[in-house]
């Protein structure tokens, strides 16, 4: 299972649909706080988060996951249009990988494949 945190409804829909078509179960959240609650409830295999969101940024979400002993093993992909190449903020927050927007779903799926065990979700 994958938790997707994205405040733009159209992007959230595309991410959810693309991941589901690839065989993943997806829980989508419209902000970082809702995503953190979903992560605590569902214990996903991976989290994909935007950076700029209301209530809690994606970087704060990543920090919260890394600070929780029960969650810190979960890979976090930061997908953002606000980070420039070489920006170290996602890495400093504990992100497993960064994907710069705009990206196509195939790029996200390829990245996820490198982070998840072969058994998948």
N, C-alpha and C. Protein backbone atom coordinates (compact mmCIF):
# COMPACT_ATOMS: atom_id res chain seq x y z
N UNK A 1 0.83 -1.18 0.00
CA UNK A 1 0.00 0.00 0.00
C UNK A 1 0.88 1.24 0.00
N UNK A 2 0.39 2.27 -0.68
CA UNK A 2 1.10 3.55 -0.79
C UNK A 2 0.18 4.67 -0.32
N UNK A 3 0.71 5.56 0.51
CA UNK A 3 -0.01 6.77 0.89
C UNK A 3 0.51 7.90 0.00
N UNK A 4 -0.42 8.62 -0.63
CA UNK A 4 -0.10 9.77 -1.48
C UNK A 4 -0.60 11.03 -0.80
N UNK A 5 0.28 12.00 -0.59
CA UNK A 5 -0.09 13.28 0.00
C UNK A 5 0.10 14.37 -1.06
N UNK A 6 -1.00 14.95 -1.50
CA UNK A 6 -0.97 15.96 -2.57
C UNK A 6 -2.20 16.84 -2.42
N UNK A 7 -1.99 18.16 -2.33
CA UNK A 7 -3.11 19.06 -2.10
C UNK A 7 -3.86 19.44 -3.38
N UNK A 8 -3.27 19.26 -4.54
CA UNK A 8 -3.98 19.55 -5.79
C UNK A 8 -4.77 18.32 -6.22
N UNK A 9 -6.07 18.49 -6.29
CA UNK A 9 -6.96 17.35 -6.54
C UNK A 9 -6.65 16.63 -7.84
N UNK A 10 -6.37 17.39 -8.92
CA UNK A 10 -6.11 16.76 -10.21
C UNK A 10 -4.82 15.93 -10.18
N UNK A 11 -3.79 16.46 -9.55
CA UNK A 11 -2.53 15.71 -9.46
C UNK A 11 -2.71 14.48 -8.56
N UNK A 12 -3.44 14.67 -7.46
CA UNK A 12 -3.70 13.55 -6.54
C UNK A 12 -4.44 12.43 -7.28
N UNK A 13 -5.41 12.79 -8.10
CA UNK A 13 -6.17 11.81 -8.86
C UNK A 13 -5.27 11.04 -9.84
N UNK A 14 -4.43 11.77 -10.56
CA UNK A 14 -3.53 11.14 -11.54
C UNK A 14 -2.56 10.19 -10.84
N UNK A 15 -1.99 10.64 -9.71
CA UNK A 15 -1.07 9.78 -8.97
C UNK A 15 -1.77 8.52 -8.49
N UNK A 16 -2.93 8.69 -7.88
CA UNK A 16 -3.68 7.55 -7.34
C UNK A 16 -4.02 6.57 -8.46
N UNK A 17 -4.53 7.08 -9.55
CA UNK A 17 -4.94 6.24 -10.67
C UNK A 17 -3.74 5.50 -11.29
N UNK A 18 -2.64 6.22 -11.46
CA UNK A 18 -1.44 5.60 -12.05
C UNK A 18 -0.91 4.48 -11.17
N UNK A 19 -0.86 4.73 -9.87
CA UNK A 19 -0.37 3.72 -8.94
C UNK A 19 -1.30 2.51 -8.87
N UNK A 20 -2.61 2.77 -8.89
CA UNK A 20 -3.58 1.67 -8.85
C UNK A 20 -3.49 0.82 -10.12
N UNK A 21 -3.31 1.47 -11.26
CA UNK A 21 -3.17 0.73 -12.50
C UNK A 21 -1.93 -0.16 -12.50
N UNK A 22 -0.93 0.26 -11.73
CA UNK A 22 0.31 -0.54 -11.63
C UNK A 22 0.18 -1.63 -10.57
N UNK A 23 -1.01 -1.74 -9.95
CA UNK A 23 -1.25 -2.82 -9.01
C UNK A 23 -1.10 -2.48 -7.54
N UNK A 24 -0.90 -1.21 -7.23
CA UNK A 24 -0.74 -0.79 -5.83
C UNK A 24 -2.09 -0.38 -5.23
N UNK A 25 -2.26 -0.66 -3.95
CA UNK A 25 -3.38 -0.08 -3.21
C UNK A 25 -2.94 1.29 -2.75
N UNK A 26 -3.85 2.28 -2.83
CA UNK A 26 -3.47 3.66 -2.55
C UNK A 26 -4.47 4.31 -1.60
N UNK A 27 -3.94 5.03 -0.62
CA UNK A 27 -4.73 5.91 0.23
C UNK A 27 -4.24 7.31 -0.08
N UNK A 28 -5.14 8.19 -0.51
CA UNK A 28 -4.77 9.56 -0.89
C UNK A 28 -5.21 10.54 0.19
N UNK A 29 -4.34 11.51 0.47
CA UNK A 29 -4.62 12.54 1.45
C UNK A 29 -4.39 13.92 0.82
N UNK A 30 -5.20 14.90 1.23
CA UNK A 30 -5.13 16.23 0.64
C UNK A 30 -4.15 17.16 1.35
N UNK A 31 -3.59 16.72 2.47
CA UNK A 31 -2.60 17.55 3.16
C UNK A 31 -1.70 16.66 4.01
N UNK A 32 -0.64 17.25 4.52
CA UNK A 32 0.34 16.48 5.27
C UNK A 32 -0.19 15.88 6.56
N UNK A 33 -1.04 16.63 7.27
CA UNK A 33 -1.58 16.12 8.53
C UNK A 33 -2.46 14.89 8.29
N UNK A 34 -3.30 14.95 7.26
CA UNK A 34 -4.16 13.81 6.93
C UNK A 34 -3.29 12.63 6.47
N UNK A 35 -2.22 12.93 5.77
CA UNK A 35 -1.31 11.87 5.31
C UNK A 35 -0.63 11.19 6.49
N UNK A 36 -0.20 11.98 7.48
CA UNK A 36 0.44 11.39 8.65
C UNK A 36 -0.53 10.47 9.39
N UNK A 37 -1.78 10.90 9.52
CA UNK A 37 -2.80 10.06 10.15
C UNK A 37 -2.98 8.77 9.36
N UNK A 38 -2.99 8.86 8.02
CA UNK A 38 -3.14 7.67 7.17
C UNK A 38 -1.94 6.74 7.32
N UNK A 39 -0.74 7.32 7.42
CA UNK A 39 0.46 6.50 7.58
C UNK A 39 0.41 5.75 8.91
N UNK A 40 -0.01 6.44 9.97
CA UNK A 40 -0.10 5.78 11.28
C UNK A 40 -1.17 4.69 11.29
N UNK A 41 -2.26 4.92 10.57
CA UNK A 41 -3.35 3.95 10.55
C UNK A 41 -3.03 2.74 9.66
N UNK A 42 -2.50 2.98 8.47
CA UNK A 42 -2.36 1.92 7.47
C UNK A 42 -0.96 1.30 7.39
N UNK A 43 0.05 1.95 7.96
CA UNK A 43 1.43 1.44 7.89
C UNK A 43 1.78 1.05 6.45
N UNK A 44 1.81 2.02 5.53
CA UNK A 44 2.04 1.71 4.11
C UNK A 44 3.46 1.22 3.84
N UNK A 45 3.64 0.70 2.64
CA UNK A 45 4.95 0.26 2.20
C UNK A 45 5.80 1.44 1.73
N UNK A 46 5.11 2.56 1.37
CA UNK A 46 5.80 3.71 0.81
C UNK A 46 4.89 4.92 0.91
N UNK A 47 5.49 6.11 0.98
CA UNK A 47 4.74 7.37 0.98
C UNK A 47 5.26 8.24 -0.16
N UNK A 48 4.34 8.85 -0.90
CA UNK A 48 4.69 9.85 -1.92
C UNK A 48 4.06 11.16 -1.46
N UNK A 49 4.87 12.20 -1.31
CA UNK A 49 4.34 13.46 -0.81
C UNK A 49 4.81 14.66 -1.61
N UNK A 50 3.90 15.61 -1.77
CA UNK A 50 4.22 16.92 -2.30
C UNK A 50 4.92 17.68 -1.17
N UNK A 51 5.56 18.79 -1.46
CA UNK A 51 6.19 19.59 -0.42
C UNK A 51 5.25 20.65 0.11
N UNK A 52 4.73 21.48 -0.77
CA UNK A 52 3.90 22.61 -0.35
C UNK A 52 2.44 22.20 -0.22
N UNK A 53 2.01 21.99 1.04
CA UNK A 53 0.63 21.60 1.33
C UNK A 53 0.17 22.32 2.59
N UNK A 54 -1.15 22.45 2.75
CA UNK A 54 -1.65 23.07 3.98
C UNK A 54 -1.52 22.12 5.18
N UNK A 55 -1.57 22.69 6.36
CA UNK A 55 -1.57 21.98 7.65
C UNK A 55 -0.23 21.36 8.02
N UNK A 56 0.47 20.77 7.07
CA UNK A 56 1.79 20.19 7.33
C UNK A 56 2.47 20.01 5.97
N UNK A 57 3.68 20.51 5.83
CA UNK A 57 4.37 20.36 4.55
C UNK A 57 4.83 18.92 4.37
N UNK A 58 5.19 18.59 3.15
CA UNK A 58 5.72 17.26 2.89
C UNK A 58 7.03 17.01 3.61
N UNK A 59 7.83 18.06 3.78
CA UNK A 59 9.09 17.90 4.51
C UNK A 59 8.82 17.64 5.99
N UNK A 60 7.83 18.33 6.55
CA UNK A 60 7.46 18.07 7.95
C UNK A 60 6.86 16.67 8.11
N UNK A 61 6.10 16.23 7.10
CA UNK A 61 5.55 14.88 7.11
C UNK A 61 6.70 13.86 7.13
N UNK A 62 7.69 14.09 6.30
CA UNK A 62 8.84 13.19 6.24
C UNK A 62 9.56 13.18 7.59
N UNK A 63 9.77 14.34 8.18
CA UNK A 63 10.43 14.42 9.49
C UNK A 63 9.63 13.67 10.55
N UNK A 64 8.30 13.81 10.51
CA UNK A 64 7.44 13.13 11.49
C UNK A 64 7.52 11.62 11.34
N UNK A 65 7.58 11.14 10.10
CA UNK A 65 7.71 9.70 9.86
C UNK A 65 9.07 9.21 10.37
N UNK A 66 10.12 9.95 10.09
CA UNK A 66 11.46 9.56 10.53
C UNK A 66 11.61 9.62 12.05
N UNK A 67 10.82 10.46 12.72
CA UNK A 67 10.92 10.60 14.18
C UNK A 67 10.17 9.51 14.93
N UNK A 68 9.35 8.73 14.22
CA UNK A 68 8.52 7.70 14.84
C UNK A 68 9.17 6.33 14.62
N UNK A 69 9.58 5.69 15.71
CA UNK A 69 10.26 4.39 15.61
C UNK A 69 9.47 3.35 14.83
N UNK A 70 8.14 3.42 14.92
CA UNK A 70 7.30 2.43 14.24
C UNK A 70 7.14 2.71 12.75
N UNK A 71 7.52 3.92 12.33
CA UNK A 71 7.29 4.33 10.93
C UNK A 71 8.57 4.62 10.16
N UNK A 72 9.67 4.86 10.85
CA UNK A 72 10.86 5.41 10.20
C UNK A 72 11.42 4.56 9.07
N UNK A 73 11.07 3.27 9.01
CA UNK A 73 11.57 2.39 7.95
C UNK A 73 10.85 2.61 6.62
N UNK A 74 9.74 3.34 6.63
CA UNK A 74 8.92 3.51 5.42
C UNK A 74 9.62 4.46 4.46
N UNK A 75 9.85 4.04 3.21
CA UNK A 75 10.45 4.95 2.23
C UNK A 75 9.51 6.12 1.94
N UNK A 76 10.09 7.31 1.80
CA UNK A 76 9.32 8.52 1.48
C UNK A 76 9.89 9.14 0.21
N UNK A 77 9.02 9.31 -0.79
CA UNK A 77 9.38 9.99 -2.03
C UNK A 77 8.80 11.40 -1.97
N UNK A 78 9.65 12.39 -2.07
CA UNK A 78 9.20 13.78 -2.11
C UNK A 78 9.08 14.17 -3.57
N UNK A 79 7.86 14.49 -3.99
CA UNK A 79 7.59 14.90 -5.37
C UNK A 79 7.21 16.37 -5.35
N UNK A 80 8.03 17.22 -5.95
CA UNK A 80 7.79 18.65 -5.79
C UNK A 80 8.21 19.45 -6.99
N UNK A 81 7.47 20.51 -7.22
CA UNK A 81 7.85 21.50 -8.22
C UNK A 81 8.58 22.67 -7.60
N UNK A 82 8.61 22.71 -6.27
CA UNK A 82 9.23 23.85 -5.59
C UNK A 82 10.69 23.61 -5.22
N UNK A 83 11.15 22.39 -5.35
CA UNK A 83 12.57 22.09 -5.07
C UNK A 83 13.35 22.16 -6.38
N UNK A 84 14.50 22.81 -6.31
CA UNK A 84 15.37 22.88 -7.48
C UNK A 84 16.40 21.76 -7.40
N UNK A 85 16.93 21.34 -8.55
CA UNK A 85 17.98 20.31 -8.51
C UNK A 85 19.10 20.76 -7.57
N UNK A 86 19.55 19.86 -6.72
CA UNK A 86 20.60 20.18 -5.78
C UNK A 86 20.11 20.72 -4.45
N UNK A 87 18.80 21.00 -4.34
CA UNK A 87 18.24 21.46 -3.07
C UNK A 87 18.28 20.29 -2.09
N UNK A 88 18.93 20.47 -0.97
CA UNK A 88 19.12 19.38 -0.03
C UNK A 88 18.06 19.24 1.04
N UNK A 89 17.01 20.07 0.99
CA UNK A 89 16.01 20.04 2.06
C UNK A 89 15.30 18.71 2.20
N UNK A 90 14.96 18.06 1.09
CA UNK A 90 14.26 16.77 1.16
C UNK A 90 15.18 15.71 1.78
N UNK A 91 16.43 15.71 1.38
CA UNK A 91 17.39 14.76 1.93
C UNK A 91 17.59 15.02 3.43
N UNK A 92 17.69 16.28 3.81
CA UNK A 92 17.85 16.64 5.22
C UNK A 92 16.65 16.20 6.06
N UNK A 93 15.46 16.20 5.44
CA UNK A 93 14.24 15.79 6.15
C UNK A 93 14.13 14.27 6.24
N UNK A 94 15.01 13.55 5.53
CA UNK A 94 15.00 12.10 5.58
C UNK A 94 14.33 11.42 4.41
N UNK A 95 14.10 12.16 3.34
CA UNK A 95 13.45 11.56 2.17
C UNK A 95 14.33 10.47 1.56
N UNK A 96 13.68 9.41 1.11
CA UNK A 96 14.39 8.31 0.45
C UNK A 96 14.78 8.69 -0.97
N UNK A 97 13.95 9.54 -1.60
CA UNK A 97 14.19 9.97 -2.98
C UNK A 97 13.40 11.24 -3.24
N UNK A 98 13.84 11.99 -4.25
CA UNK A 98 13.15 13.20 -4.66
C UNK A 98 12.82 13.08 -6.13
N UNK A 99 11.61 13.47 -6.49
CA UNK A 99 11.16 13.47 -7.88
C UNK A 99 10.68 14.88 -8.19
N UNK A 100 11.34 15.53 -9.14
CA UNK A 100 10.99 16.91 -9.46
C UNK A 100 9.82 16.95 -10.45
N UNK A 101 8.84 17.81 -10.15
CA UNK A 101 7.70 18.00 -11.05
C UNK A 101 8.14 18.99 -12.12
N UNK A 102 7.60 18.87 -13.34
CA UNK A 102 6.63 17.85 -13.76
C UNK A 102 7.33 16.52 -14.06
N UNK A 103 6.62 15.44 -13.79
CA UNK A 103 7.13 14.12 -14.12
C UNK A 103 5.98 13.33 -14.72
N UNK A 104 6.31 12.26 -15.42
CA UNK A 104 5.27 11.39 -15.97
C UNK A 104 5.12 10.21 -15.02
N UNK A 105 3.93 9.59 -14.98
CA UNK A 105 3.72 8.46 -14.07
C UNK A 105 4.77 7.36 -14.19
N UNK A 106 5.27 7.11 -15.37
CA UNK A 106 6.27 6.05 -15.54
C UNK A 106 7.53 6.35 -14.73
N UNK A 107 7.90 7.63 -14.59
CA UNK A 107 9.07 7.98 -13.78
C UNK A 107 8.82 7.64 -12.32
N UNK A 108 7.62 7.96 -11.83
CA UNK A 108 7.27 7.65 -10.45
C UNK A 108 7.26 6.14 -10.23
N UNK A 109 6.67 5.40 -11.13
CA UNK A 109 6.58 3.95 -10.99
C UNK A 109 7.97 3.31 -11.00
N UNK A 110 8.86 3.81 -11.85
CA UNK A 110 10.22 3.28 -11.90
C UNK A 110 10.94 3.55 -10.59
N UNK A 111 10.75 4.74 -10.04
CA UNK A 111 11.39 5.08 -8.77
C UNK A 111 10.85 4.21 -7.64
N UNK A 112 9.54 4.04 -7.61
CA UNK A 112 8.91 3.21 -6.58
C UNK A 112 9.42 1.77 -6.66
N UNK A 113 9.59 1.28 -7.88
CA UNK A 113 10.07 -0.09 -8.06
C UNK A 113 11.45 -0.29 -7.44
N UNK A 114 12.26 0.78 -7.40
CA UNK A 114 13.60 0.66 -6.82
C UNK A 114 13.53 0.70 -5.29
N UNK A 115 12.44 1.24 -4.73
CA UNK A 115 12.34 1.40 -3.28
C UNK A 115 11.54 0.31 -2.58
N UNK A 116 10.71 -0.38 -3.33
CA UNK A 116 9.86 -1.42 -2.71
C UNK A 116 10.47 -2.81 -2.94
N UNK A 117 10.23 -3.70 -2.00
CA UNK A 117 10.68 -5.08 -2.20
C UNK A 117 9.98 -5.71 -3.41
N UNK A 118 10.58 -6.72 -3.95
CA UNK A 118 10.05 -7.37 -5.17
C UNK A 118 8.60 -7.83 -4.97
N UNK A 119 8.25 -8.22 -3.76
CA UNK A 119 6.89 -8.70 -3.50
C UNK A 119 5.84 -7.64 -3.78
N UNK A 120 6.24 -6.36 -3.76
CA UNK A 120 5.29 -5.28 -4.07
C UNK A 120 4.35 -5.04 -2.91
N UNK A 121 3.24 -4.34 -3.26
CA UNK A 121 2.29 -3.96 -2.21
C UNK A 121 0.98 -4.68 -2.38
